[in-house]
């Protein structure tokens, strides 16, 4: 028993608590001719255990939303969400296992964009269904490794994911999609400032509405650091997909080119620090509403300026199907502007604007055939004004 005490002494446990509450006005609202007022709060509880080679994180991040309270009153709805992650590493090897899951009520009209990745890559904007409250569920199980040599690195990830409506009525709005996915990235350093990543990805997705998609992609890239504040990246590749629209319809194959360009810049402007990321991509996207492979060109601009307690960030994205006159052509434009003020380490205020415009074919409930869906061309415009406050409790060492 006493032999275990030195090991336990090496483990550092901490608990971090925070909460962000957002009040927003959506126009157009749920009722024609008038805006909607929503209030949402997202508490965040994170338990972390860290030892010299191992770390474990358990987080619970639900979202409580009062939808359209100016019309339907106080009717709270929960979207439960949580994450568990285990990491192990030594000098040249790291392994992780993670599980993310969510379940509850949501409405895509809130236009809350997903967070950027740890590499600073902005979220990919996709088509959204007709605004309405649905029961939603998601789960992502992942296992990954990273091996590093003197001039090379190999990263692999495999997993299984599902996302979509949690009941039959919700799946008429957003079909449940599930299946395995994996990727491998081998990066060679040809010089101190040049890296050549070779990326292989594959996934299989089955939709509750019938389609099944198997897609693979191979890309070769070149990353170059021009200076301490400027980086660029270029990628060329090809994607091959096998699409089966339904169990009774024969499958077909689809080959699409892939091209990507990225510019990252950090500057000092107006006595503050300004970061800028611009990227453009041509490549296939799996349409989560229709269950098809859509070749799109998409451009993103992500920028953030900080000066002391003040920060301003902006994100804009535009996407267009190729060809533009295809039967399932989609056009998307979205953006967000956020201004924040860090009053203390415990309190942060922010406010901003979000907007979204899309024109795309969407599935709707068929009038002539009960329980069936049909495809119609639809457009959607949504604007959101929001004000938020984030509270951080002092991290507790356990």
Protein backbone atom coordinates (compact mmCIF):
# COMPACT_ATOMS: atom_id res chain seq x y z
CA UNK A 1 0.00 0.00 0.00
CA UNK A 2 2.80 2.44 0.91
CA UNK A 3 4.52 1.75 -2.43
CA UNK A 4 1.70 3.58 -4.17
CA UNK A 5 2.17 6.79 -2.19
CA UNK A 6 5.03 8.25 -4.31
CA UNK A 7 2.97 7.71 -7.46
CA UNK A 8 -0.06 9.43 -5.96
CA UNK A 9 2.09 12.32 -4.81
CA UNK A 10 3.12 12.96 -8.42
CA UNK A 11 -0.51 13.53 -9.49
CA UNK A 12 -1.79 17.12 -9.48
CA UNK A 13 -5.58 17.52 -9.49
CA UNK A 14 -7.41 20.75 -10.29
CA UNK A 15 -11.00 21.85 -10.78
CA UNK A 16 -11.89 24.82 -13.02
CA UNK A 17 -15.40 26.32 -13.15
CA UNK A 18 -16.74 28.97 -15.50
CA UNK A 19 -19.99 30.09 -17.09
CA UNK A 20 -20.90 32.18 -20.12
CA UNK A 21 -24.36 33.74 -20.35
CA UNK A 22 -25.49 35.22 -23.67
CA UNK A 23 -28.56 37.30 -24.47
CA UNK A 24 -29.32 37.57 -28.19
CA UNK A 25 -31.90 39.01 -30.52
CA UNK A 26 -32.58 37.05 -33.74
CA UNK A 27 -34.19 38.66 -36.77
CA UNK A 28 -36.23 37.27 -38.42
CA UNK A 29 -37.56 35.46 -35.38
CA UNK A 30 -39.62 32.33 -34.95
CA UNK A 31 -42.80 34.31 -35.59
CA UNK A 32 -43.05 36.18 -38.92
CA UNK A 33 -42.66 39.92 -38.67
CA UNK A 34 -41.00 40.11 -35.26
CA UNK A 35 -37.58 39.23 -33.77
CA UNK A 36 -36.92 36.54 -31.17
CA UNK A 37 -35.19 37.04 -27.82
CA UNK A 38 -33.10 34.15 -26.44
CA UNK A 39 -31.08 33.77 -23.25
CA UNK A 40 -28.50 30.98 -23.04
CA UNK A 41 -26.04 30.03 -20.33
CA UNK A 42 -23.22 27.52 -20.69
CA UNK A 43 -21.57 26.38 -17.45
CA UNK A 44 -18.21 24.64 -17.76
CA UNK A 45 -16.82 22.30 -15.10
CA UNK A 46 -13.38 20.69 -15.78
CA UNK A 47 -11.54 18.22 -13.61
CA UNK A 48 -7.90 17.68 -14.59
CA UNK A 49 -5.43 15.11 -13.26
CA UNK A 50 -1.80 15.54 -14.34
CA UNK A 51 1.23 13.35 -13.69
CA UNK A 52 4.67 13.55 -15.32
CA UNK A 53 3.60 11.43 -18.33
CA UNK A 54 -0.17 11.16 -18.08
CA UNK A 55 -3.05 13.61 -17.96
CA UNK A 56 -6.79 13.08 -17.69
CA UNK A 57 -9.51 15.66 -18.29
CA UNK A 58 -13.23 15.32 -17.60
CA UNK A 59 -15.54 18.19 -18.60
CA UNK A 60 -19.27 18.83 -18.41
CA UNK A 61 -20.41 21.75 -20.60
CA UNK A 62 -24.22 21.81 -20.91
CA UNK A 63 -26.19 24.65 -22.50
CA UNK A 64 -29.43 25.92 -20.95
CA UNK A 65 -31.45 28.06 -23.39
CA UNK A 66 -34.66 30.03 -23.06
CA UNK A 67 -35.79 30.14 -26.69
CA UNK A 68 -38.02 32.98 -27.89
CA UNK A 69 -38.89 34.14 -24.37
CA UNK A 70 -40.63 37.26 -25.71
CA UNK A 71 -43.30 34.96 -27.18
CA UNK A 72 -43.43 31.58 -25.42
CA UNK A 73 -42.19 32.69 -22.01
CA UNK A 74 -39.99 30.80 -19.55
CA UNK A 75 -39.49 27.33 -21.06
CA UNK A 76 -35.89 26.21 -20.46
CA UNK A 77 -34.34 23.54 -22.67
CA UNK A 78 -31.07 21.69 -22.04
CA UNK A 79 -28.39 20.53 -24.43
CA UNK A 80 -26.12 18.32 -22.32
CA UNK A 81 -22.51 17.97 -23.42
CA UNK A 82 -19.38 16.41 -21.99
CA UNK A 83 -15.82 15.39 -22.81
CA UNK A 84 -13.37 12.85 -21.41
CA UNK A 85 -9.76 12.67 -22.58
CA UNK A 86 -6.72 10.64 -21.51
CA UNK A 87 -3.19 11.52 -22.71
CA UNK A 88 0.11 9.72 -22.30
CA UNK A 89 3.45 10.95 -23.62
CA UNK A 90 7.17 10.47 -23.41
CA UNK A 91 10.02 12.17 -25.23
CA UNK A 92 9.06 11.08 -28.77
CA UNK A 93 5.63 9.43 -28.49
CA UNK A 94 2.18 10.53 -27.40
CA UNK A 95 -1.13 8.65 -27.30
CA UNK A 96 -4.60 9.93 -26.53
CA UNK A 97 -8.13 8.58 -26.22
CA UNK A 98 -11.14 10.89 -26.09
CA UNK A 99 -14.91 10.81 -25.99
CA UNK A 100 -17.23 13.74 -26.75
CA UNK A 101 -21.01 13.50 -26.49
CA UNK A 102 -24.07 15.73 -26.43
CA UNK A 103 -27.83 15.23 -26.16
CA UNK A 104 -30.77 17.58 -25.83
CA UNK A 105 -32.68 20.39 -27.48
CA UNK A 106 -31.09 22.84 -29.90
CA UNK A 107 -31.92 25.26 -32.68
CA UNK A 108 -29.44 25.98 -35.46
CA UNK A 109 -30.83 29.53 -35.74
CA UNK A 110 -28.66 30.52 -32.77
CA UNK A 111 -25.72 30.67 -35.22
CA UNK A 112 -23.18 29.84 -32.50
CA UNK A 113 -20.10 28.94 -34.50
CA UNK A 114 -17.88 26.16 -33.24
CA UNK A 115 -14.58 27.10 -31.63
CA UNK A 116 -11.39 27.24 -33.61
CA UNK A 117 -9.08 24.25 -33.32
CA UNK A 118 -5.90 24.19 -31.27
CA UNK A 119 -4.03 25.05 -34.48
CA UNK A 120 -6.13 28.19 -34.93
CA UNK A 121 -8.16 26.79 -37.84
CA UNK A 122 -11.66 28.37 -37.98
CA UNK A 123 -14.79 26.22 -37.99
CA UNK A 124 -16.17 25.00 -41.31
CA UNK A 125 -19.53 26.62 -42.00
CA UNK A 126 -22.13 24.23 -43.36
CA UNK A 127 -25.78 24.38 -44.41
CA UNK A 128 -28.31 24.71 -41.60
CA UNK A 129 -31.90 23.43 -41.59
CA UNK A 130 -35.03 25.51 -41.28
CA UNK A 131 -34.83 27.16 -37.83
CA UNK A 132 -36.77 25.13 -35.27
CA UNK A 133 -36.12 23.38 -31.99
CA UNK A 134 -35.15 19.72 -32.41
CA UNK A 135 -33.82 16.92 -30.24
CA UNK A 136 -30.15 16.50 -31.15
CA UNK A 137 -27.49 13.94 -30.27
CA UNK A 138 -23.81 13.54 -31.11
CA UNK A 139 -20.91 11.32 -30.11
CA UNK A 140 -17.28 11.17 -31.20
CA UNK A 141 -14.88 8.47 -29.98
CA UNK A 142 -11.23 8.98 -30.96
CA UNK A 143 -7.89 7.25 -30.51
CA UNK A 144 -4.74 8.98 -31.73
CA UNK A 145 -0.97 8.70 -31.69
CA UNK A 146 1.94 10.95 -32.54
CA UNK A 147 5.51 9.81 -33.20
CA UNK A 148 8.34 12.29 -33.64
CA UNK A 149 11.81 11.92 -35.10
CA UNK A 150 14.55 14.45 -35.70
CA UNK A 151 13.13 15.59 -39.07
CA UNK A 152 9.77 13.86 -39.27
CA UNK A 153 6.48 13.41 -37.39
CA UNK A 154 3.65 10.92 -37.85
CA UNK A 155 0.16 11.57 -36.49
CA UNK A 156 -2.73 9.10 -36.74
CA UNK A 157 -6.36 9.31 -35.60
CA UNK A 158 -9.15 6.77 -35.80
CA UNK A 159 -12.64 7.01 -34.40
CA UNK A 160 -16.37 6.58 -34.70
CA UNK A 161 -18.84 9.46 -34.79
CA UNK A 162 -22.56 10.09 -34.98
CA UNK A 163 -24.59 13.29 -35.09
CA UNK A 164 -28.12 14.33 -35.99
CA UNK A 165 -31.71 14.16 -34.84
CA UNK A 166 -32.33 12.11 -31.71
CA UNK A 167 -35.89 11.06 -32.60
CA UNK A 168 -37.88 10.36 -35.77
CA UNK A 169 -39.38 13.86 -35.99
CA UNK A 170 -35.98 15.54 -35.56
CA UNK A 171 -34.40 13.24 -38.16
CA UNK A 172 -36.76 14.65 -40.77
CA UNK A 173 -34.97 17.98 -40.17
CA UNK A 174 -31.38 16.72 -39.61
CA UNK A 175 -30.80 13.05 -40.50
CA UNK A 176 -28.78 10.97 -38.05
CA UNK A 177 -25.39 10.24 -39.61
CA UNK A 178 -22.85 7.79 -38.22
CA UNK A 179 -19.77 5.84 -39.16
CA UNK A 180 -16.01 5.38 -38.71
CA UNK A 181 -13.36 7.89 -39.75
CA UNK A 182 -9.59 8.06 -39.70
CA UNK A 183 -6.62 10.05 -40.93
CA UNK A 184 -2.84 9.87 -41.00
CA UNK A 185 -0.39 12.75 -41.50
CA UNK A 186 3.30 12.20 -42.22
CA UNK A 187 5.28 15.47 -42.06
CA UNK A 188 8.87 15.74 -43.28
CA UNK A 189 11.06 18.74 -42.50
CA UNK A 190 13.05 19.44 -45.66
CA UNK A 191 14.63 22.48 -43.97
CA UNK A 192 14.17 24.44 -40.71
CA UNK A 193 11.49 26.57 -42.39
CA UNK A 194 9.92 24.06 -44.82
CA UNK A 195 7.65 21.14 -43.98
CA UNK A 196 5.98 18.68 -46.37
CA UNK A 197 2.86 17.03 -44.91
CA UNK A 198 1.30 14.03 -46.66
CA UNK A 199 -2.29 13.54 -45.46
CA UNK A 200 -4.55 10.50 -45.97
CA UNK A 201 -8.17 10.58 -44.73
CA UNK A 202 -11.08 8.17 -45.02
CA UNK A 203 -14.60 8.01 -43.62
CA UNK A 204 -17.82 6.09 -44.05
CA UNK A 205 -21.13 7.78 -43.24
CA UNK A 206 -24.56 6.20 -43.12
CA UNK A 207 -27.61 8.49 -42.99
CA UNK A 208 -30.92 7.59 -41.35
CA UNK A 209 -32.58 9.02 -44.48
CA UNK A 210 -30.98 6.30 -46.65
CA UNK A 211 -27.70 7.50 -48.24
CA UNK A 212 -24.35 5.89 -47.51
CA UNK A 213 -21.07 7.60 -48.39
CA UNK A 214 -17.54 6.19 -48.40
CA UNK A 215 -14.94 8.88 -49.10
CA UNK A 216 -11.16 8.97 -49.12
CA UNK A 217 -8.67 11.76 -49.78
CA UNK A 218 -4.92 12.05 -50.35
CA UNK A 219 -3.17 15.45 -50.11
CA UNK A 220 0.40 16.68 -50.40
CA UNK A 221 1.25 20.01 -48.84
CA UNK A 222 4.07 22.53 -48.43
CA UNK A 223 4.32 24.73 -45.34
CA UNK A 224 6.86 27.56 -45.33
CA UNK A 225 7.77 29.97 -42.54
CA UNK A 226 8.89 33.21 -44.20
CA UNK A 227 9.65 34.94 -40.91
CA UNK A 228 8.74 34.80 -37.25
CA UNK A 229 5.37 36.38 -38.07
CA UNK A 230 4.48 35.05 -41.55
CA UNK A 231 3.60 31.51 -42.65
CA UNK A 232 2.04 30.10 -45.81
CA UNK A 233 0.75 26.70 -46.82
CA UNK A 234 -0.29 25.10 -50.10
CA UNK A 235 -1.97 21.74 -50.70
CA UNK A 236 -2.90 19.68 -53.74
CA UNK A 237 -4.77 16.40 -53.67
CA UNK A 238 -7.58 14.21 -54.94
CA UNK A 239 -10.70 12.74 -53.38
CA UNK A 240 -12.62 9.61 -54.36
CA UNK A 241 -16.12 8.90 -53.08
CA UNK A 242 -18.61 6.07 -53.46
CA UNK A 243 -22.17 7.27 -52.91
CA UNK A 244 -25.24 5.07 -52.55
CA UNK A 245 -28.33 7.34 -52.46
CA UNK A 246 -30.51 4.63 -50.90
CA UNK A 247 -30.47 0.85 -50.35
CA UNK A 248 -32.52 0.29 -53.52
CA UNK A 249 -30.53 2.64 -55.78
CA UNK A 250 -27.18 1.61 -57.33
CA UNK A 251 -24.08 3.35 -56.04
CA UNK A 252 -21.86 5.64 -58.12
CA UNK A 253 -18.34 7.01 -57.77
CA UNK A 254 -17.29 10.64 -57.70
CA UNK A 255 -13.74 12.01 -58.11
CA UNK A 256 -12.94 15.57 -57.05
CA UNK A 257 -9.75 17.66 -57.04
CA UNK A 258 -8.50 19.23 -53.81
CA UNK A 259 -6.55 22.49 -53.50
CA UNK A 260 -5.84 24.62 -50.46
CA UNK A 261 -3.92 27.82 -49.70
CA UNK A 262 -3.33 29.43 -46.30
CA UNK A 263 -1.71 32.66 -45.12
CA UNK A 264 -1.06 33.36 -41.43
CA UNK A 265 0.25 36.75 -40.35
CA UNK A 266 0.95 38.38 -36.99
CA UNK A 267 1.39 42.13 -36.79
CA UNK A 268 1.69 44.93 -34.24
CA UNK A 269 -1.03 47.49 -34.93
CA UNK A 270 -2.49 50.38 -32.92
CA UNK A 271 -0.36 49.49 -29.88
CA UNK A 272 -1.77 45.97 -29.94
CA UNK A 273 -1.17 42.57 -31.52
CA UNK A 274 -3.08 41.67 -34.69
CA UNK A 275 -3.28 38.12 -36.03
CA UNK A 276 -4.70 37.29 -39.44
CA UNK A 277 -5.50 33.98 -41.12
CA UNK A 278 -6.80 33.74 -44.68
CA UNK A 279 -7.48 30.42 -46.35
CA UNK A 280 -9.18 29.17 -49.50
CA UNK A 281 -10.09 25.57 -50.29
CA UNK A 282 -11.54 23.63 -53.18
CA UNK A 283 -12.66 20.20 -52.13
CA UNK A 284 -15.54 17.86 -51.33
CA UNK A 285 -17.93 18.36 -48.42
CA UNK A 286 -20.51 15.84 -47.21
CA UNK A 287 -23.84 17.69 -47.07
CA UNK A 288 -25.29 16.75 -43.68
CA UNK A 289 -28.89 17.45 -44.75
CA UNK A 290 -29.01 15.74 -48.15
CA UNK A 291 -26.43 12.97 -47.78
CA UNK A 292 -24.47 13.91 -50.91
CA UNK A 293 -20.86 14.80 -51.71
CA UNK A 294 -20.76 18.47 -52.69
CA UNK A 295 -17.63 19.93 -54.31
CA UNK A 296 -17.25 23.45 -52.93
CA UNK A 297 -14.89 26.38 -52.99
CA UNK A 298 -14.74 28.11 -49.62
CA UNK A 299 -12.83 31.16 -48.37
CA UNK A 300 -12.35 32.09 -44.71
CA UNK A 301 -10.91 35.15 -43.01
CA UNK A 302 -10.17 35.05 -39.28
CA UNK A 303 -8.64 37.99 -37.43
CA UNK A 304 -8.08 39.00 -33.81
CA UNK A 305 -6.67 42.18 -32.27
CA UNK A 306 -5.73 42.45 -28.60
CA UNK A 307 -4.52 45.37 -26.52
CA UNK A 308 -4.43 44.99 -22.77
CA UNK A 309 -7.92 44.03 -21.54
CA UNK A 310 -9.54 44.82 -24.90
CA UNK A 311 -9.94 42.40 -27.81
CA UNK A 312 -11.75 42.43 -31.14
CA UNK A 313 -12.19 39.42 -33.39
CA UNK A 314 -13.85 38.89 -36.74
CA UNK A 315 -14.68 35.86 -38.84
CA UNK A 316 -16.11 35.74 -42.36
CA UNK A 317 -16.76 32.77 -44.62
CA UNK A 318 -18.19 32.28 -48.11
CA UNK A 319 -18.78 28.98 -49.91
CA UNK A 320 -20.14 28.03 -53.31
CA UNK A 321 -20.84 24.65 -54.89
CA UNK A 322 -18.95 23.74 -58.05
CA UNK A 323 -20.50 23.72 -60.60
CA UNK A 324 -22.62 26.68 -59.56
CA UNK A 325 -25.66 25.55 -61.54
CA UNK A 326 -25.74 21.95 -60.30
CA UNK A 327 -29.01 20.41 -59.08
CA UNK A 328 -27.82 20.55 -55.47
CA UNK A 329 -25.88 23.82 -55.68
CA UNK A 330 -25.36 25.59 -52.36
CA UNK A 331 -24.30 29.16 -51.56
CA UNK A 332 -23.29 30.20 -48.05
CA UNK A 333 -22.13 33.47 -46.50
CA UNK A 334 -21.60 33.92 -42.77
CA UNK A 335 -19.73 36.15 -40.39
CA UNK A 336 -19.23 37.25 -36.81
CA UNK A 337 -17.80 40.35 -35.13
CA UNK A 338 -17.02 40.21 -31.39
CA UNK A 339 -15.72 42.88 -29.01
CA UNK A 340 -14.62 41.88 -25.51
CA UNK A 341 -13.32 43.50 -22.34
CA UNK A 342 -11.55 41.55 -19.59
CA UNK A 343 -12.55 43.43 -16.46
CA UNK A 344 -10.71 41.05 -14.11
CA UNK A 345 -9.33 37.53 -14.28
CA UNK A 346 -12.80 36.38 -13.24
CA UNK A 347 -15.08 38.55 -15.42
CA UNK A 348 -15.13 39.07 -19.19
CA UNK A 349 -17.77 41.05 -21.09
CA UNK A 350 -18.38 40.74 -24.82
CA UNK A 351 -20.87 41.83 -27.47
CA UNK A 352 -21.19 41.48 -31.19
CA UNK A 353 -23.05 40.57 -34.35
CA UNK A 354 -23.56 37.34 -36.28
CA UNK A 355 -25.07 36.88 -39.70
CA UNK A 356 -25.85 34.06 -42.08
CA UNK A 357 -27.23 33.79 -45.61
CA UNK A 358 -27.70 30.60 -47.52
CA UNK A 359 -29.42 29.41 -50.65
CA UNK A 360 -29.58 25.65 -50.87
CA UNK A 361 -31.79 22.69 -51.55
CA UNK A 362 -33.24 21.35 -48.31
CA UNK A 363 -35.35 18.32 -47.38
CA UNK A 364 -38.87 19.11 -46.14
CA UNK A 365 -41.73 16.93 -45.05
CA UNK A 366 -43.71 15.81 -48.10
CA UNK A 367 -47.37 16.80 -48.08
CA UNK A 368 -48.54 14.05 -50.43
CA UNK A 369 -46.72 11.13 -48.73
CA UNK A 370 -46.88 11.03 -44.91
CA UNK A 371 -43.49 10.43 -43.29
CA UNK A 372 -41.55 11.08 -46.52
CA UNK A 373 -39.40 14.05 -47.50
CA UNK A 374 -38.89 16.00 -50.69
CA UNK A 375 -36.17 18.40 -51.85
CA UNK A 376 -37.03 22.07 -52.40
CA UNK A 377 -34.87 25.14 -53.06
CA UNK A 378 -34.87 27.39 -50.04
CA UNK A 379 -33.06 30.51 -48.87
CA UNK A 380 -32.39 31.62 -45.33
CA UNK A 381 -31.25 34.94 -43.86
CA UNK A 382 -30.54 35.30 -40.16
CA UNK A 383 -29.04 38.14 -38.13
CA UNK A 384 -28.13 38.00 -34.44
CA UNK A 385 -27.12 40.70 -31.96
CA UNK A 386 -25.64 39.28 -28.75
CA UNK A 387 -24.31 40.43 -25.38
CA UNK A 388 -22.45 38.04 -23.11
CA UNK A 389 -20.65 37.80 -19.78
CA UNK A 390 -18.19 35.06 -18.79
CA UNK A 391 -17.39 34.28 -15.16
CA UNK A 392 -14.28 32.28 -14.17
CA UNK A 393 -14.02 30.86 -10.68
CA UNK A 394 -10.49 30.49 -9.24
CA UNK A 395 -8.98 27.13 -10.17
CA UNK A 396 -9.00 24.85 -7.15
CA UNK A 397 -6.06 22.52 -6.45
CA UNK A 398 -7.36 19.26 -5.00
